[in-house]
Amino acid sequence: MEVWDLGALIDEVRRNGGNTDWRAARRSIRCPKRCPSPLIDLLPIPYSRQRARRRERRSTLVNLSLGILREAAGRSAREAVGTIEVRLALHVLRPFVRDQRLLNEFWRSATIEPRHPWTSCHLSYRAIARRLVEGGAEVDEANRP
């Protein structure tokens, strides 16, 4: 038995000149062990590696974005941190936070002028990180509120 990623399976069928329709695809896949039978069985396996990779990518996106926001929050008491990197990190976190108000508060705190020690982004950062943890996102220890 061999487990194939869906993308790899589609590429193999196309390379062999076959149709990617599920019923027709099994005629276009060659047995990797040079079997005498021209047909092989294809069984869909739900929740395979693809789901694990998707979860890993989401975790990486969330933690990279939180790292950018954490560093910006550290500098925010001294300087305006409304940079393109912060804006992109906030945009990436939108589907995971699901509360635009929290993201808007961070952006407002990041761009407010004049800068004072009490206008930092620390509270907004903690609220975003807390919402992600409550929502079940895998947040690294360094990025936790």
N, C-alpha and C. Protein backbone atom coordinates (compact mmCIF):
# COMPACT_ATOMS: atom_id res chain seq x y z
N MET A 1 0.85 -1.17 0.00
CA MET A 1 0.00 0.00 0.00
C MET A 1 0.90 1.24 0.00
N GLU A 2 0.49 2.22 -0.76
CA GLU A 2 1.24 3.46 -0.87
C GLU A 2 0.28 4.63 -0.70
N VAL A 3 0.67 5.63 0.10
CA VAL A 3 -0.16 6.80 0.33
C VAL A 3 0.40 7.95 -0.49
N TRP A 4 -0.49 8.55 -1.30
CA TRP A 4 -0.09 9.66 -2.16
C TRP A 4 -0.82 10.92 -1.73
N ASP A 5 -0.16 12.03 -1.81
CA ASP A 5 -0.79 13.32 -1.64
C ASP A 5 -1.67 13.58 -2.86
N LEU A 6 -2.77 14.27 -2.70
CA LEU A 6 -3.69 14.50 -3.81
C LEU A 6 -2.99 15.22 -4.96
N GLY A 7 -2.16 16.22 -4.66
CA GLY A 7 -1.45 16.94 -5.72
C GLY A 7 -0.51 16.02 -6.50
N ALA A 8 0.19 15.13 -5.80
CA ALA A 8 1.10 14.19 -6.45
C ALA A 8 0.33 13.21 -7.32
N LEU A 9 -0.82 12.79 -6.85
CA LEU A 9 -1.66 11.87 -7.62
C LEU A 9 -2.14 12.52 -8.91
N ILE A 10 -2.60 13.75 -8.81
CA ILE A 10 -3.06 14.47 -10.01
C ILE A 10 -1.91 14.67 -10.99
N ASP A 11 -0.74 15.02 -10.49
CA ASP A 11 0.44 15.19 -11.37
C ASP A 11 0.78 13.88 -12.09
N GLU A 12 0.74 12.77 -11.38
CA GLU A 12 1.06 11.47 -11.98
C GLU A 12 0.05 11.10 -13.06
N VAL A 13 -1.24 11.35 -12.80
CA VAL A 13 -2.28 11.04 -13.80
C VAL A 13 -2.06 11.89 -15.04
N ARG A 14 -1.78 13.17 -14.86
CA ARG A 14 -1.55 14.05 -16.02
C ARG A 14 -0.29 13.66 -16.78
N ARG A 15 0.75 13.26 -16.06
CA ARG A 15 2.00 12.85 -16.72
C ARG A 15 1.77 11.62 -17.60
N ASN A 16 0.86 10.75 -17.17
CA ASN A 16 0.56 9.55 -17.94
C ASN A 16 -0.53 9.77 -18.99
N GLY A 17 -0.97 11.01 -19.15
CA GLY A 17 -1.94 11.33 -20.18
C GLY A 17 -3.36 10.96 -19.85
N GLY A 18 -3.67 10.83 -18.58
CA GLY A 18 -5.01 10.40 -18.19
C GLY A 18 -5.90 11.55 -17.75
N ASN A 19 -7.14 11.20 -17.51
CA ASN A 19 -8.16 12.12 -17.05
C ASN A 19 -8.13 12.13 -15.53
N THR A 20 -8.33 13.29 -14.89
CA THR A 20 -8.27 13.37 -13.43
C THR A 20 -9.61 13.04 -12.77
N ASP A 21 -10.59 12.61 -13.52
CA ASP A 21 -11.83 12.13 -12.94
C ASP A 21 -11.51 10.90 -12.08
N TRP A 22 -12.14 10.78 -10.92
CA TRP A 22 -11.80 9.72 -9.97
C TRP A 22 -11.89 8.32 -10.57
N ARG A 23 -12.96 8.04 -11.33
CA ARG A 23 -13.13 6.71 -11.90
C ARG A 23 -12.13 6.44 -13.02
N ALA A 24 -11.78 7.48 -13.77
CA ALA A 24 -10.84 7.29 -14.88
C ALA A 24 -9.39 7.34 -14.42
N ALA A 25 -9.11 7.96 -13.30
CA ALA A 25 -7.73 8.13 -12.84
C ALA A 25 -7.04 6.81 -12.56
N ARG A 26 -7.75 5.83 -12.08
CA ARG A 26 -7.10 4.57 -11.74
C ARG A 26 -6.55 3.83 -12.96
N ARG A 27 -7.03 4.17 -14.15
CA ARG A 27 -6.47 3.57 -15.36
C ARG A 27 -5.17 4.24 -15.77
N SER A 28 -4.92 5.43 -15.24
CA SER A 28 -3.74 6.20 -15.63
C SER A 28 -2.60 6.11 -14.64
N ILE A 29 -2.81 5.43 -13.54
CA ILE A 29 -1.75 5.27 -12.55
C ILE A 29 -1.05 3.94 -12.80
N ARG A 30 0.24 3.98 -12.83
CA ARG A 30 1.03 2.77 -13.01
C ARG A 30 1.39 2.20 -11.65
N CYS A 31 1.35 0.92 -11.53
CA CYS A 31 1.72 0.26 -10.28
C CYS A 31 3.22 0.48 -10.05
N PRO A 32 3.60 1.00 -8.89
CA PRO A 32 5.01 1.28 -8.64
C PRO A 32 5.87 0.01 -8.55
N LYS A 33 5.23 -1.14 -8.35
CA LYS A 33 5.97 -2.41 -8.25
C LYS A 33 5.88 -3.23 -9.53
N ARG A 34 5.49 -2.57 -10.62
CA ARG A 34 5.37 -3.22 -11.93
C ARG A 34 4.43 -4.42 -11.89
N CYS A 35 3.25 -4.23 -11.32
CA CYS A 35 2.25 -5.28 -11.21
C CYS A 35 1.72 -5.67 -12.59
N PRO A 36 1.30 -6.91 -12.76
CA PRO A 36 0.76 -7.33 -14.05
C PRO A 36 -0.62 -6.73 -14.32
N SER A 37 -1.36 -6.40 -13.28
CA SER A 37 -2.70 -5.85 -13.45
C SER A 37 -2.62 -4.40 -13.91
N PRO A 38 -3.37 -4.03 -14.95
CA PRO A 38 -3.33 -2.65 -15.41
C PRO A 38 -4.09 -1.69 -14.49
N LEU A 39 -5.00 -2.22 -13.68
CA LEU A 39 -5.79 -1.38 -12.79
C LEU A 39 -5.30 -1.51 -11.36
N ILE A 40 -5.31 -0.39 -10.66
CA ILE A 40 -4.99 -0.43 -9.24
C ILE A 40 -6.15 0.20 -8.50
N ASP A 41 -6.24 -0.09 -7.23
CA ASP A 41 -7.31 0.48 -6.41
C ASP A 41 -6.85 1.79 -5.81
N LEU A 42 -7.73 2.79 -5.89
CA LEU A 42 -7.47 4.08 -5.26
C LEU A 42 -8.49 4.25 -4.14
N LEU A 43 -8.02 4.44 -2.94
CA LEU A 43 -8.89 4.64 -1.81
C LEU A 43 -8.61 6.01 -1.20
N PRO A 44 -9.63 6.86 -1.11
CA PRO A 44 -9.40 8.16 -0.48
C PRO A 44 -9.24 7.99 1.03
N ILE A 45 -8.23 8.64 1.58
CA ILE A 45 -7.99 8.60 3.02
C ILE A 45 -8.20 10.01 3.55
N PRO A 46 -9.28 10.24 4.27
CA PRO A 46 -9.52 11.60 4.78
C PRO A 46 -8.56 11.94 5.91
N TYR A 47 -8.36 13.25 6.09
CA TYR A 47 -7.54 13.76 7.18
C TYR A 47 -6.12 13.21 7.15
N SER A 48 -5.54 13.18 6.00
CA SER A 48 -4.19 12.64 5.87
C SER A 48 -3.17 13.72 6.15
N ARG A 49 -2.01 13.59 5.58
CA ARG A 49 -0.91 14.52 5.80
C ARG A 49 -1.26 15.93 5.39
N GLN A 50 -2.13 16.07 4.42
CA GLN A 50 -2.47 17.40 3.93
C GLN A 50 -3.07 18.26 5.04
N ARG A 51 -3.92 17.68 5.85
CA ARG A 51 -4.52 18.42 6.96
C ARG A 51 -3.45 18.79 7.99
N ALA A 52 -2.54 17.88 8.27
CA ALA A 52 -1.47 18.16 9.23
C ALA A 52 -0.57 19.29 8.71
N ARG A 53 -0.27 19.26 7.42
CA ARG A 53 0.56 20.33 6.84
C ARG A 53 -0.17 21.67 6.88
N ARG A 54 -1.47 21.66 6.63
CA ARG A 54 -2.24 22.89 6.67
C ARG A 54 -2.23 23.47 8.08
N ARG A 55 -2.39 22.61 9.09
CA ARG A 55 -2.37 23.05 10.47
C ARG A 55 -0.99 23.61 10.84
N GLU A 56 0.06 22.97 10.35
CA GLU A 56 1.42 23.44 10.60
C GLU A 56 1.66 24.80 9.95
N ARG A 57 1.17 24.97 8.73
CA ARG A 57 1.33 26.26 8.04
C ARG A 57 0.59 27.37 8.78
N ARG A 58 -0.61 27.07 9.24
CA ARG A 58 -1.38 28.06 10.00
C ARG A 58 -0.65 28.45 11.27
N SER A 59 -0.11 27.46 11.96
CA SER A 59 0.62 27.74 13.19
C SER A 59 1.85 28.61 12.90
N THR A 60 2.53 28.34 11.81
CA THR A 60 3.70 29.14 11.44
C THR A 60 3.29 30.56 11.11
N LEU A 61 2.22 30.73 10.35
CA LEU A 61 1.74 32.07 10.02
C LEU A 61 1.36 32.86 11.26
N VAL A 62 0.63 32.21 12.15
CA VAL A 62 0.19 32.89 13.37
C VAL A 62 1.39 33.30 14.21
N ASN A 63 2.35 32.40 14.40
CA ASN A 63 3.49 32.71 15.25
C ASN A 63 4.44 33.72 14.64
N LEU A 64 4.63 33.70 13.33
CA LEU A 64 5.45 34.73 12.69
C LEU A 64 4.79 36.10 12.82
N SER A 65 3.50 36.16 12.61
CA SER A 65 2.77 37.42 12.74
C SER A 65 2.80 37.93 14.17
N LEU A 66 2.59 37.03 15.12
CA LEU A 66 2.64 37.45 16.52
C LEU A 66 4.04 37.92 16.92
N GLY A 67 5.07 37.29 16.38
CA GLY A 67 6.43 37.73 16.65
C GLY A 67 6.68 39.15 16.17
N ILE A 68 6.17 39.47 15.00
CA ILE A 68 6.31 40.83 14.46
C ILE A 68 5.57 41.82 15.35
N LEU A 69 4.35 41.47 15.75
CA LEU A 69 3.57 42.36 16.61
C LEU A 69 4.20 42.50 18.00
N ARG A 70 4.77 41.42 18.53
CA ARG A 70 5.41 41.47 19.85
C ARG A 70 6.61 42.41 19.82
N GLU A 71 7.44 42.29 18.79
CA GLU A 71 8.60 43.18 18.66
C GLU A 71 8.16 44.63 18.48
N ALA A 72 7.11 44.84 17.71
CA ALA A 72 6.60 46.20 17.51
C ALA A 72 6.05 46.76 18.81
N ALA A 73 5.36 45.94 19.59
CA ALA A 73 4.81 46.39 20.87
C ALA A 73 5.94 46.79 21.82
N GLY A 74 7.06 46.08 21.77
CA GLY A 74 8.20 46.43 22.61
C GLY A 74 8.78 47.80 22.28
N ARG A 75 8.75 48.18 21.02
CA ARG A 75 9.28 49.48 20.59
C ARG A 75 8.24 50.59 20.63
N SER A 76 6.98 50.24 20.79
CA SER A 76 5.89 51.19 20.58
C SER A 76 5.83 52.33 21.59
N ALA A 77 6.42 52.18 22.77
CA ALA A 77 6.39 53.28 23.74
C ALA A 77 7.36 54.40 23.32
N ARG A 78 8.36 54.08 22.52
CA ARG A 78 9.37 55.06 22.12
C ARG A 78 9.15 55.63 20.72
N GLU A 79 8.57 54.82 19.83
CA GLU A 79 8.44 55.25 18.43
C GLU A 79 7.17 54.70 17.81
N ALA A 80 6.73 55.33 16.76
CA ALA A 80 5.56 54.84 16.02
C ALA A 80 5.96 53.57 15.28
N VAL A 81 5.14 52.57 15.38
CA VAL A 81 5.47 51.28 14.76
C VAL A 81 4.47 50.89 13.68
N GLY A 82 3.81 51.85 13.12
CA GLY A 82 2.84 51.59 12.06
C GLY A 82 3.53 51.35 10.73
N THR A 83 4.27 50.26 10.63
CA THR A 83 5.03 49.93 9.42
C THR A 83 4.25 48.96 8.55
N ILE A 84 4.76 48.73 7.38
CA ILE A 84 4.11 47.79 6.45
C ILE A 84 4.16 46.36 7.00
N GLU A 85 5.22 46.03 7.75
CA GLU A 85 5.33 44.69 8.33
C GLU A 85 4.22 44.46 9.37
N VAL A 86 3.98 45.48 10.20
CA VAL A 86 2.92 45.38 11.21
C VAL A 86 1.57 45.28 10.53
N ARG A 87 1.38 46.06 9.51
CA ARG A 87 0.10 46.03 8.78
C ARG A 87 -0.13 44.66 8.15
N LEU A 88 0.91 44.08 7.56
CA LEU A 88 0.79 42.75 6.96
C LEU A 88 0.52 41.69 8.03
N ALA A 89 1.20 41.78 9.17
CA ALA A 89 0.97 40.81 10.25
C ALA A 89 -0.48 40.89 10.74
N LEU A 90 -1.01 42.10 10.87
CA LEU A 90 -2.40 42.25 11.29
C LEU A 90 -3.35 41.67 10.24
N HIS A 91 -3.02 41.87 8.98
CA HIS A 91 -3.85 41.33 7.90
C HIS A 91 -3.84 39.80 7.91
N VAL A 92 -2.68 39.21 8.16
CA VAL A 92 -2.58 37.75 8.20
C VAL A 92 -3.39 37.17 9.35
N LEU A 93 -3.45 37.89 10.46
CA LEU A 93 -4.16 37.39 11.64
C LEU A 93 -5.68 37.56 11.58
N ARG A 94 -6.18 38.31 10.61
CA ARG A 94 -7.62 38.57 10.52
C ARG A 94 -8.49 37.31 10.58
N PRO A 95 -8.22 36.29 9.77
CA PRO A 95 -9.12 35.12 9.83
C PRO A 95 -9.00 34.32 11.13
N PHE A 96 -7.89 34.46 11.84
CA PHE A 96 -7.69 33.68 13.06
C PHE A 96 -8.25 34.39 14.29
N VAL A 97 -8.19 35.72 14.31
CA VAL A 97 -8.66 36.49 15.46
C VAL A 97 -10.17 36.65 15.40
N ARG A 98 -10.71 36.90 14.24
CA ARG A 98 -12.15 37.05 13.99
C ARG A 98 -12.79 38.18 14.78
N ASP A 99 -11.98 39.16 15.16
CA ASP A 99 -12.51 40.35 15.81
C ASP A 99 -11.71 41.54 15.30
N GLN A 100 -12.26 42.20 14.32
CA GLN A 100 -11.57 43.32 13.66
C GLN A 100 -11.25 44.44 14.64
N ARG A 101 -12.06 44.57 15.67
CA ARG A 101 -11.86 45.64 16.65
C ARG A 101 -10.50 45.53 17.33
N LEU A 102 -10.09 44.32 17.70
CA LEU A 102 -8.79 44.12 18.35
C LEU A 102 -7.64 44.52 17.43
N LEU A 103 -7.75 44.16 16.17
CA LEU A 103 -6.70 44.49 15.21
C LEU A 103 -6.65 45.99 14.95
N ASN A 104 -7.83 46.62 14.87
CA ASN A 104 -7.90 48.07 14.68
C ASN A 104 -7.29 48.82 15.87
N GLU A 105 -7.53 48.32 17.08
CA GLU A 105 -6.95 48.95 18.27
C GLU A 105 -5.43 48.91 18.22
N PHE A 106 -4.89 47.78 17.81
CA PHE A 106 -3.43 47.67 17.71
C PHE A 106 -2.91 48.69 16.70
N TRP A 107 -3.54 48.77 15.55
CA TRP A 107 -3.09 49.70 14.51
C TRP A 107 -3.18 51.15 14.99
N ARG A 108 -4.28 51.49 15.67
CA ARG A 108 -4.42 52.84 16.21
C ARG A 108 -3.31 53.15 17.21
N SER A 109 -3.02 52.21 18.09
CA SER A 109 -1.95 52.40 19.07
C SER A 109 -0.59 52.49 18.40
N ALA A 110 -0.43 51.80 17.30
CA ALA A 110 0.85 51.79 16.60
C ALA A 110 1.12 53.08 15.84
N THR A 111 0.07 53.78 15.45
CA THR A 111 0.25 54.96 14.60
C THR A 111 -0.06 56.28 15.31
N ILE A 112 -0.49 56.24 16.55
CA ILE A 112 -0.90 57.47 17.24
C ILE A 112 0.30 58.40 17.46
N GLU A 113 0.07 59.66 17.29
CA GLU A 113 1.10 60.69 17.51
C GLU A 113 0.51 61.74 18.43
N PRO A 114 1.22 62.35 19.30
CA PRO A 114 2.61 62.12 19.70
C PRO A 114 2.72 60.85 20.56
N ARG A 115 3.91 60.30 20.60
CA ARG A 115 4.17 59.07 21.35
C ARG A 115 4.39 59.39 22.83
N HIS A 116 3.78 58.58 23.68
CA HIS A 116 3.95 58.66 25.13
C HIS A 116 4.13 57.24 25.64
N PRO A 117 4.71 57.06 26.81
CA PRO A 117 4.85 55.70 27.36
C PRO A 117 3.51 54.98 27.52
N TRP A 118 2.43 55.69 27.76
CA TRP A 118 1.13 55.06 27.95
C TRP A 118 0.39 54.79 26.64
N THR A 119 1.00 55.15 25.51
CA THR A 119 0.35 54.87 24.21
C THR A 119 0.97 53.66 23.52
N SER A 120 1.52 52.73 24.27
CA SER A 120 2.15 51.56 23.66
C SER A 120 1.08 50.57 23.17
N CYS A 121 1.53 49.55 22.48
CA CYS A 121 0.64 48.53 21.90
C CYS A 121 0.55 47.27 22.76
N HIS A 122 1.09 47.30 23.98
CA HIS A 122 1.13 46.10 24.80
C HIS A 122 -0.25 45.53 25.12
N LEU A 123 -1.18 46.37 25.50
CA LEU A 123 -2.53 45.87 25.83
C LEU A 123 -3.21 45.26 24.61
N SER A 124 -3.07 45.93 23.48
CA SER A 124 -3.67 45.41 22.24
C SER A 124 -3.04 44.08 21.85
N TYR A 125 -1.71 43.98 22.01
CA TYR A 125 -1.02 42.73 21.67
C TYR A 125 -1.52 41.59 22.56
N ARG A 126 -1.62 41.85 23.86
CA ARG A 126 -2.08 40.81 24.78
C ARG A 126 -3.51 40.37 24.45
N ALA A 127 -4.35 41.30 24.06
CA ALA A 127 -5.74 40.96 23.72
C ALA A 127 -5.79 40.08 22.47
N ILE A 128 -4.96 40.40 21.48
CA ILE A 128 -4.91 39.58 20.25
C ILE A 128 -4.39 38.18 20.57
N ALA A 129 -3.28 38.11 21.32
CA ALA A 129 -2.70 36.81 21.65
C ALA A 129 -3.66 35.97 22.49
N ARG A 130 -4.35 36.60 23.44
CA ARG A 130 -5.32 35.89 24.27
C ARG A 130 -6.45 35.33 23.42
N ARG A 131 -6.94 36.13 22.47
CA ARG A 131 -8.03 35.68 21.60
C ARG A 131 -7.58 34.47 20.77
N LEU A 132 -6.35 34.49 20.29
CA LEU A 132 -5.84 33.36 19.51
C LEU A 132 -5.73 32.10 20.35
N VAL A 133 -5.23 32.25 21.58
CA VAL A 133 -5.13 31.09 22.48
C VAL A 133 -6.52 30.54 22.79
N GLU A 134 -7.46 31.42 23.08
CA GLU A 134 -8.83 30.98 23.37
C GLU A 134 -9.48 30.32 22.17
N GLY A 135 -9.09 30.76 20.96
CA GLY A 135 -9.64 30.18 19.73
C GLY A 135 -9.00 28.86 19.34
N GLY A 136 -8.01 28.40 20.10
CA GLY A 136 -7.39 27.11 19.82
C GLY A 136 -6.18 27.15 18.91
N ALA A 137 -5.68 28.34 18.60
CA ALA A 137 -4.48 28.43 17.76
C ALA A 137 -3.27 27.98 18.55
N GLU A 138 -2.33 27.35 17.85
CA GLU A 138 -1.09 26.91 18.49
C GLU A 138 -0.14 28.09 18.56
N VAL A 139 -0.05 28.70 19.74
CA VAL A 139 0.77 29.88 19.94
C VAL A 139 2.02 29.48 20.72
N ASP A 140 3.18 29.82 20.19
CA ASP A 140 4.44 29.50 20.87
C ASP A 140 4.51 30.20 22.21
N GLU A 141 5.30 29.65 23.11
CA GLU A 141 5.44 30.19 24.46
C GLU A 141 5.94 31.63 24.43
N ALA A 142 6.85 31.96 23.53
CA ALA A 142 7.40 33.31 23.46
C ALA A 142 6.34 34.35 23.06
N ASN A 143 5.31 33.93 22.36
CA ASN A 143 4.28 34.85 21.89
C ASN A 143 3.03 34.87 22.76
N ARG A 144 3.02 34.08 23.82
CA ARG A 144 1.83 34.03 24.69
C ARG A 144 1.69 35.33 25.47
N PRO A 145 0.44 35.70 25.80
CA PRO A 145 0.23 36.97 26.53
C PRO A 145 0.75 36.89 27.97
